[in-house]
Amino acid sequence: MRIRHPDEAPAGVVRQAVDWNRHYLTGDTGWDMGRAAPPFESLISHPPSWLQGRRLAALGCGRGHDAARFALAGYRVTGLDFAPLALEEARGLYGAVPGLDFAACDITAPAVDLRGTFELVLEHTCFCALAPQQRPDYVAGVAALLSPGGILFGLWYRFDPPDAEGPPYSLSEARLLELMARGGFDPIHFETPADSHDKRAGRERLCAFRKR
C-alpha cells in the first residue's frame, strides 16, 4: 500500500513503507482483530448473488486473517500489502492454507502481472489508511486489478463527522459513492452490518461496487 502526498518525491513512498513496517515491528497494530471480520463470516455463510468469481485480491491484507478465511471457503486468494513485516507474519500464520498466496504491492500502481487478473477485490481498513488526496489513486488501482465487470467489496471504515486527523481517515457515504462513480464503479450493495466488531459497530459500511 502506497501513501503518497502530491508534493512527495519517490523517496517519500519508501519512508511511508518504513512507517507502516514499524507498526508491525513494535506491535502497534490496533486495527488487527486477530481473526476475520464477522461480516465476512456472514457473507461466506450466506453468499449474495454478486459474490461471484473465484480469484480474489485482499487489499492491505496485514496478517492475512480475512484473506485466509476466504481461501478456506474455496476462493483463490492473493493477499497484497505494503509492509514487508506484515507479509512475513501473514505467511507465518497462513502460508500452508491451500489457494492462498501473498505478494508485495503498491495498490495505487499494481504490477503488470497483477492487472486484470482478479474477479473480486476485498477491502478492509485499507482505504481509511490512505490520506484523503490518495483516494482517487486507490480507486484507479483497484480498477486495474479487476477484470471487466469485477467486484470490489468489503468494509469501509469509518463513517464519522468530517475529521482531518488520521489514519484512519473518516469520510461520508456521499463522498465514497462520488469517488467510486468517478472511478468507473457502480454501487450494487450498501448497508450498515449488524454484526460488526464491537469497536466498529455503526462506524463501518458493507459495500460492493461493480466495475463498468
Protein backbone atom coordinates (compact mmCIF):
# COMPACT_ATOMS: atom_id res chain seq x y z
CA MET A 1 0.00 0.00 0.00
CA ARG A 2 1.48 3.34 -1.01
CA ILE A 3 0.65 6.55 0.84
CA ARG A 4 1.86 9.45 -1.28
CA HIS A 5 1.17 13.15 -0.95
CA PRO A 6 1.19 15.13 -4.20
CA ASP A 7 4.35 17.04 -3.28
CA GLU A 8 6.32 13.99 -2.16
CA ALA A 9 9.29 12.69 -4.12
CA PRO A 10 9.54 8.94 -4.75
CA ALA A 11 11.71 8.66 -1.64
CA GLY A 12 8.63 9.62 0.35
CA VAL A 13 6.98 6.39 -0.71
CA VAL A 14 9.83 4.42 0.80
CA ARG A 15 9.56 6.42 4.03
CA GLN A 16 5.88 5.60 4.29
CA ALA A 17 6.63 1.90 3.79
CA VAL A 18 9.10 2.07 6.65
CA ASP A 19 6.48 3.80 8.82
CA TRP A 20 3.91 1.05 8.28
CA ASN A 21 6.54 -1.65 8.76
CA ARG A 22 7.35 -0.09 12.14
CA HIS A 23 3.79 -0.74 13.31
CA TYR A 24 4.39 -4.47 12.92
CA LEU A 25 7.87 -4.24 14.40
CA THR A 26 6.53 -2.62 17.58
CA GLY A 27 3.20 -4.48 17.71
CA ASP A 28 1.26 -1.23 17.27
CA THR A 29 -1.48 -2.85 15.19
CA GLY A 30 -4.68 -1.96 17.00
CA TRP A 31 -6.74 -2.46 13.84
CA ASP A 32 -5.89 -6.18 13.81
CA MET A 33 -8.74 -8.18 15.41
CA GLY A 34 -6.83 -11.47 15.26
CA ARG A 35 -9.45 -13.07 13.05
CA ALA A 36 -11.62 -12.43 10.01
CA ALA A 37 -14.21 -9.66 10.36
CA PRO A 38 -17.63 -11.02 11.43
CA PRO A 39 -19.48 -9.51 8.43
CA PHE A 40 -17.18 -11.52 6.14
CA GLU A 41 -18.10 -14.68 8.00
CA SER A 42 -21.74 -13.86 7.27
CA LEU A 43 -21.00 -13.27 3.57
CA ILE A 44 -19.25 -16.61 3.30
CA SER A 45 -22.06 -18.43 5.10
CA HIS A 46 -24.78 -16.78 3.00
CA PRO A 47 -23.11 -15.50 -0.19
CA PRO A 48 -25.11 -12.84 -2.05
CA SER A 49 -25.67 -13.08 -5.80
CA TRP A 50 -22.94 -10.52 -6.53
CA LEU A 51 -20.23 -12.51 -4.71
CA GLN A 52 -19.28 -14.49 -7.81
CA GLY A 53 -15.89 -15.49 -9.11
CA ARG A 54 -13.05 -17.42 -7.53
CA ARG A 55 -9.98 -15.19 -7.97
CA LEU A 56 -9.77 -12.66 -5.13
CA ALA A 57 -7.25 -9.98 -4.10
CA ALA A 58 -7.26 -8.84 -0.45
CA LEU A 59 -6.00 -5.26 -0.21
CA GLY A 60 -3.76 -4.23 2.67
CA CYS A 61 -4.10 -7.77 3.98
CA GLY A 62 -1.94 -7.27 7.07
CA ARG A 63 -1.53 -10.55 8.91
CA GLY A 64 -3.90 -12.21 6.47
CA HIS A 65 -6.91 -13.14 8.60
CA ASP A 66 -9.54 -12.12 6.03
CA ALA A 67 -7.52 -13.46 3.12
CA ALA A 68 -7.13 -16.84 4.80
CA ARG A 69 -10.82 -17.08 5.63
CA PHE A 70 -11.85 -16.59 2.02
CA ALA A 71 -9.21 -19.07 0.87
CA LEU A 72 -10.57 -21.65 3.29
CA ALA A 73 -14.00 -21.04 1.75
CA GLY A 74 -12.66 -22.06 -1.66
CA TYR A 75 -11.53 -18.79 -3.23
CA ARG A 76 -8.11 -18.40 -4.84
CA VAL A 77 -6.73 -15.50 -2.83
CA THR A 78 -3.72 -13.24 -3.12
CA GLY A 79 -3.11 -11.08 -0.07
CA LEU A 80 -1.49 -7.77 -1.02
CA ASP A 81 0.31 -5.46 1.38
CA PHE A 82 2.79 -2.63 1.55
CA ALA A 83 4.73 -3.63 4.67
CA PRO A 84 7.27 -6.48 4.40
CA LEU A 85 6.77 -7.46 8.03
CA ALA A 86 3.01 -7.75 7.54
CA LEU A 87 3.57 -10.19 4.68
CA GLU A 88 6.16 -12.10 6.69
CA GLU A 89 3.74 -12.53 9.58
CA ALA A 90 0.88 -13.44 7.24
CA ARG A 91 2.96 -16.17 5.62
CA GLY A 92 3.96 -17.45 9.05
CA LEU A 93 0.32 -17.70 10.13
CA TYR A 94 -1.33 -18.85 6.92
CA GLY A 95 1.37 -19.92 4.47
CA ALA A 96 0.07 -23.51 4.44
CA VAL A 97 -3.55 -22.60 3.56
CA PRO A 98 -4.41 -24.03 0.13
CA GLY A 99 -5.27 -21.49 -2.54
CA LEU A 100 -3.63 -18.60 -0.69
CA ASP A 101 -0.51 -16.61 -1.51
CA PHE A 102 0.84 -13.21 -0.57
CA ALA A 103 2.59 -10.51 -2.58
CA ALA A 104 4.06 -7.07 -2.05
CA CYS A 105 2.01 -4.47 -3.89
CA ASP A 106 1.67 -0.74 -4.29
CA ILE A 107 -2.11 -0.68 -4.56
CA THR A 108 -2.15 2.62 -6.38
CA ALA A 109 0.13 1.22 -9.10
CA PRO A 110 -0.24 -2.58 -9.28
CA ALA A 111 2.43 -4.59 -11.08
CA VAL A 112 1.66 -5.58 -14.65
CA ASP A 113 1.36 -9.28 -13.78
CA LEU A 114 -1.46 -8.50 -11.31
CA ARG A 115 -3.54 -6.27 -13.57
CA GLY A 116 -6.87 -7.57 -14.76
CA THR A 117 -6.38 -10.93 -13.05
CA PHE A 118 -8.98 -10.75 -10.27
CA GLU A 119 -12.74 -11.14 -10.36
CA LEU A 120 -13.07 -9.90 -6.78
CA VAL A 121 -11.17 -7.36 -4.70
CA LEU A 122 -11.62 -7.29 -0.92
CA GLU A 123 -11.37 -4.07 1.10
CA HIS A 124 -10.93 -3.87 4.88
CA THR A 125 -9.20 -0.98 6.72
CA CYS A 126 -7.06 -0.20 3.66
CA PHE A 127 -8.98 2.73 2.20
CA CYS A 128 -9.20 4.53 5.54
CA ALA A 129 -5.40 4.35 5.95
CA LEU A 130 -4.82 6.41 2.82
CA ALA A 131 -4.56 10.17 3.01
CA PRO A 132 -7.77 11.62 1.51
CA GLN A 133 -5.91 13.01 -1.51
CA GLN A 134 -4.80 9.47 -2.37
CA ARG A 135 -8.30 8.04 -2.63
CA PRO A 136 -8.61 8.52 -6.42
CA ASP A 137 -5.31 6.62 -6.80
CA TYR A 138 -6.78 3.78 -4.75
CA VAL A 139 -9.87 3.58 -6.98
CA ALA A 140 -7.72 3.58 -10.12
CA GLY A 141 -5.50 0.85 -8.66
CA VAL A 142 -8.49 -1.35 -7.85
CA ALA A 143 -9.86 -0.86 -11.35
CA ALA A 144 -6.51 -2.00 -12.72
CA LEU A 145 -6.57 -5.18 -10.61
CA LEU A 146 -10.09 -6.19 -11.63
CA SER A 147 -11.18 -7.93 -14.79
CA PRO A 148 -14.12 -6.34 -16.69
CA GLY A 149 -17.29 -6.48 -14.61
CA GLY A 150 -15.32 -7.40 -11.49
CA ILE A 151 -16.49 -6.62 -7.97
CA LEU A 152 -14.87 -4.50 -5.27
CA PHE A 153 -16.46 -5.33 -1.92
CA GLY A 154 -15.71 -5.10 1.75
CA LEU A 155 -15.93 -2.99 4.87
CA TRP A 156 -15.31 0.75 4.66
CA TYR A 157 -14.34 2.41 7.95
CA ARG A 158 -15.04 4.96 9.36
CA PHE A 159 -18.24 6.93 8.78
CA ASP A 160 -17.99 9.80 11.23
CA PRO A 161 -18.38 13.56 11.01
CA PRO A 162 -15.57 15.01 8.85
CA ASP A 163 -12.22 14.60 10.59
CA ALA A 164 -8.90 15.55 9.01
CA GLU A 165 -6.88 13.62 11.58
CA GLY A 166 -5.82 10.11 10.75
CA PRO A 167 -5.22 7.43 9.89
CA PRO A 168 -7.87 6.16 9.99
CA TYR A 169 -9.46 8.98 7.99
CA SER A 170 -13.22 9.39 8.05
CA LEU A 171 -15.48 10.02 5.08
CA SER A 172 -19.15 10.40 4.23
CA GLU A 173 -21.33 7.98 2.32
CA ALA A 174 -21.88 10.62 -0.36
CA ARG A 175 -18.14 11.12 -0.81
CA LEU A 176 -17.47 7.41 -1.12
CA LEU A 177 -20.18 6.98 -3.74
CA GLU A 178 -18.88 10.01 -5.65
CA LEU A 179 -15.31 8.70 -5.69
CA MET A 180 -16.36 5.28 -6.88
CA ALA A 181 -18.62 6.66 -9.60
CA ARG A 182 -15.84 8.87 -10.93
CA GLY A 183 -13.52 5.87 -10.96
CA GLY A 184 -15.85 3.76 -13.08
CA PHE A 185 -17.73 1.77 -10.43
CA ASP A 186 -21.46 1.35 -9.82
CA PRO A 187 -22.80 0.55 -6.32
CA ILE A 188 -24.63 -2.75 -6.02
CA HIS A 189 -24.76 -3.15 -2.23
CA PHE A 190 -24.59 -0.70 0.69
CA GLU A 191 -25.51 -1.44 4.29
CA THR A 192 -24.51 -0.96 7.90
CA PRO A 193 -23.73 -4.51 9.05
CA ALA A 194 -25.44 -5.73 12.19
CA ASP A 195 -22.56 -8.00 13.20
CA SER A 196 -19.60 -5.61 13.15
CA HIS A 197 -16.88 -5.97 15.73
CA ASP A 198 -17.90 -4.12 18.91
CA LYS A 199 -15.26 -1.42 18.37
CA ARG A 200 -16.62 -0.65 14.89
CA ALA A 201 -20.36 -1.06 15.36
CA GLY A 202 -22.21 1.60 13.39
CA ARG A 203 -18.98 3.07 12.04
CA GLU A 204 -18.43 0.86 9.02
CA ARG A 205 -20.38 0.00 5.88
CA LEU A 206 -20.52 -3.25 3.97
CA CYS A 207 -20.41 -2.20 0.33
CA ALA A 208 -19.99 -3.71 -3.10
CA PHE A 209 -19.23 -1.96 -6.37
CA ARG A 210 -19.14 -3.35 -9.90
CA LYS A 211 -16.51 -2.19 -12.37
CA ARG A 212 -18.11 -0.82 -15.51
